[in-house]
Protein backbone atom coordinates (compact mmCIF):
# COMPACT_ATOMS: atom_id res chain seq x y z
CA UNK A 1 0.00 0.00 0.00
CA UNK A 2 1.39 3.36 -1.03
CA UNK A 3 0.54 6.62 0.70
CA UNK A 4 0.03 9.74 -1.32
CA UNK A 5 2.98 12.14 -1.50
CA UNK A 6 0.85 14.92 0.00
CA UNK A 7 0.06 12.76 3.04
CA UNK A 8 3.74 11.91 3.52
CA UNK A 9 4.69 15.60 3.27
CA UNK A 10 1.97 16.48 5.79
CA UNK A 11 3.23 13.80 8.20
CA UNK A 12 6.81 15.03 7.82
CA UNK A 13 5.77 18.61 8.57
CA UNK A 14 3.78 17.49 11.62
CA UNK A 15 6.77 15.56 12.95
CA UNK A 16 9.03 18.55 12.36
CA UNK A 17 6.64 20.79 14.32
CA UNK A 18 6.50 18.24 17.15
CA UNK A 19 10.30 18.13 17.37
CA UNK A 20 10.54 21.94 17.40
CA UNK A 21 7.89 22.16 20.15
CA UNK A 22 9.74 19.54 22.21
CA UNK A 23 13.02 21.46 21.86
CA UNK A 24 11.25 24.67 22.91
CA UNK A 25 9.85 22.94 26.01
CA UNK A 26 13.30 21.63 26.92
CA UNK A 27 14.85 25.10 26.55
CA UNK A 28 12.08 26.64 28.64
CA UNK A 29 12.46 24.06 31.40
CA UNK A 30 16.24 24.34 31.48
CA UNK A 31 16.11 28.13 31.67
CA UNK A 32 13.54 27.89 34.49
CA UNK A 33 15.80 25.46 36.35
CA UNK A 34 18.77 27.79 35.96
CA UNK A 35 16.71 30.75 37.16
CA UNK A 36 15.55 28.83 40.24
CA UNK A 37 19.09 27.68 40.97
CA UNK A 38 20.35 31.25 40.64
CA UNK A 39 17.62 32.54 42.95
CA UNK A 40 18.53 29.96 45.62
CA UNK A 41 22.20 30.92 45.49
CA UNK A 42 21.42 34.63 45.89
CA UNK A 43 19.11 34.06 48.88
CA UNK A 44 21.82 32.37 50.96
CA UNK A 45 23.56 34.31 53.73
CA UNK A 46 26.76 36.09 52.83
CA UNK A 47 28.90 33.85 55.04
CA UNK A 48 31.15 34.45 58.05
CA UNK A 49 32.96 37.48 56.69
CA UNK A 50 30.78 39.92 58.63
CA UNK A 51 32.39 41.78 61.50
CA UNK A 52 31.67 40.57 65.03
CA UNK A 53 31.86 44.10 66.45
CA UNK A 54 28.81 46.28 66.76
CA UNK A 55 29.06 49.20 64.37
CA UNK A 56 27.77 52.67 65.12
CA UNK A 57 25.90 54.44 62.39
CA UNK A 58 27.31 57.89 61.76
CA UNK A 59 24.96 60.38 60.10
CA UNK A 60 26.13 61.79 56.80
CA UNK A 61 27.18 65.44 56.73
C-alpha atoms as a PDB file:
ATOM      1  CA  UNK A   1       0.000   0.000   0.000  1.00  0.00           C
ATOM      2  CA  UNK A   2       1.391   3.360  -1.034  1.00  0.00           C
ATOM      3  CA  UNK A   3       0.544   6.622   0.697  1.00  0.00           C
ATOM      4  CA  UNK A   4       0.031   9.741  -1.322  1.00  0.00           C
ATOM      5  CA  UNK A   5       2.978  12.138  -1.502  1.00  0.00           C
ATOM      6  CA  UNK A   6       0.847  14.918   0.001  1.00  0.00           C
ATOM      7  CA  UNK A   7       0.060  12.755   3.040  1.00  0.00           C
ATOM      8  CA  UNK A   8       3.741  11.910   3.518  1.00  0.00           C
ATOM      9  CA  UNK A   9       4.687  15.597   3.273  1.00  0.00           C
ATOM     10  CA  UNK A  10       1.965  16.482   5.785  1.00  0.00           C
ATOM     11  CA  UNK A  11       3.226  13.800   8.204  1.00  0.00           C
ATOM     12  CA  UNK A  12       6.815  15.030   7.821  1.00  0.00           C
ATOM     13  CA  UNK A  13       5.769  18.612   8.573  1.00  0.00           C
ATOM     14  CA  UNK A  14       3.781  17.486  11.624  1.00  0.00           C
ATOM     15  CA  UNK A  15       6.771  15.556  12.953  1.00  0.00           C
ATOM     16  CA  UNK A  16       9.033  18.545  12.358  1.00  0.00           C
ATOM     17  CA  UNK A  17       6.637  20.791  14.322  1.00  0.00           C
ATOM     18  CA  UNK A  18       6.505  18.240  17.151  1.00  0.00           C
ATOM     19  CA  UNK A  19      10.298  18.131  17.368  1.00  0.00           C
ATOM     20  CA  UNK A  20      10.536  21.937  17.400  1.00  0.00           C
ATOM     21  CA  UNK A  21       7.894  22.159  20.145  1.00  0.00           C
ATOM     22  CA  UNK A  22       9.742  19.539  22.206  1.00  0.00           C
ATOM     23  CA  UNK A  23      13.020  21.458  21.862  1.00  0.00           C
ATOM     24  CA  UNK A  24      11.251  24.671  22.913  1.00  0.00           C
ATOM     25  CA  UNK A  25       9.853  22.943  26.007  1.00  0.00           C
ATOM     26  CA  UNK A  26      13.300  21.629  26.924  1.00  0.00           C
ATOM     27  CA  UNK A  27      14.846  25.097  26.554  1.00  0.00           C
ATOM     28  CA  UNK A  28      12.076  26.644  28.641  1.00  0.00           C
ATOM     29  CA  UNK A  29      12.457  24.058  31.403  1.00  0.00           C
ATOM     30  CA  UNK A  30      16.237  24.338  31.477  1.00  0.00           C
ATOM     31  CA  UNK A  31      16.110  28.133  31.668  1.00  0.00           C
ATOM     32  CA  UNK A  32      13.541  27.894  34.491  1.00  0.00           C
ATOM     33  CA  UNK A  33      15.804  25.457  36.347  1.00  0.00           C
ATOM     34  CA  UNK A  34      18.770  27.793  35.957  1.00  0.00           C
ATOM     35  CA  UNK A  35      16.707  30.745  37.161  1.00  0.00           C
ATOM     36  CA  UNK A  36      15.545  28.833  40.237  1.00  0.00           C
ATOM     37  CA  UNK A  37      19.087  27.676  40.972  1.00  0.00           C
ATOM     38  CA  UNK A  38      20.346  31.248  40.640  1.00  0.00           C
ATOM     39  CA  UNK A  39      17.623  32.536  42.948  1.00  0.00           C
ATOM     40  CA  UNK A  40      18.527  29.962  45.617  1.00  0.00           C
ATOM     41  CA  UNK A  41      22.195  30.922  45.490  1.00  0.00           C
ATOM     42  CA  UNK A  42      21.418  34.626  45.894  1.00  0.00           C
ATOM     43  CA  UNK A  43      19.115  34.061  48.877  1.00  0.00           C
ATOM     44  CA  UNK A  44      21.819  32.366  50.961  1.00  0.00           C
ATOM     45  CA  UNK A  45      23.558  34.311  53.728  1.00  0.00           C
ATOM     46  CA  UNK A  46      26.764  36.091  52.827  1.00  0.00           C
ATOM     47  CA  UNK A  47      28.896  33.848  55.037  1.00  0.00           C
ATOM     48  CA  UNK A  48      31.146  34.454  58.049  1.00  0.00           C
ATOM     49  CA  UNK A  49      32.958  37.484  56.689  1.00  0.00           C
ATOM     50  CA  UNK A  50      30.779  39.924  58.627  1.00  0.00           C
ATOM     51  CA  UNK A  51      32.389  41.782  61.500  1.00  0.00           C
ATOM     52  CA  UNK A  52      31.674  40.568  65.029  1.00  0.00           C
ATOM     53  CA  UNK A  53      31.859  44.099  66.454  1.00  0.00           C
ATOM     54  CA  UNK A  54      28.807  46.282  66.756  1.00  0.00           C
ATOM     55  CA  UNK A  55      29.060  49.196  64.369  1.00  0.00           C
ATOM     56  CA  UNK A  56      27.772  52.673  65.121  1.00  0.00           C
ATOM     57  CA  UNK A  57      25.896  54.439  62.388  1.00  0.00           C
ATOM     58  CA  UNK A  58      27.307  57.891  61.759  1.00  0.00           C
ATOM     59  CA  UNK A  59      24.958  60.381  60.102  1.00  0.00           C
ATOM     60  CA  UNK A  60      26.129  61.786  56.798  1.00  0.00           C
ATOM     61  CA  UNK A  61      27.180  65.438  56.732  1.00  0.00           C
END
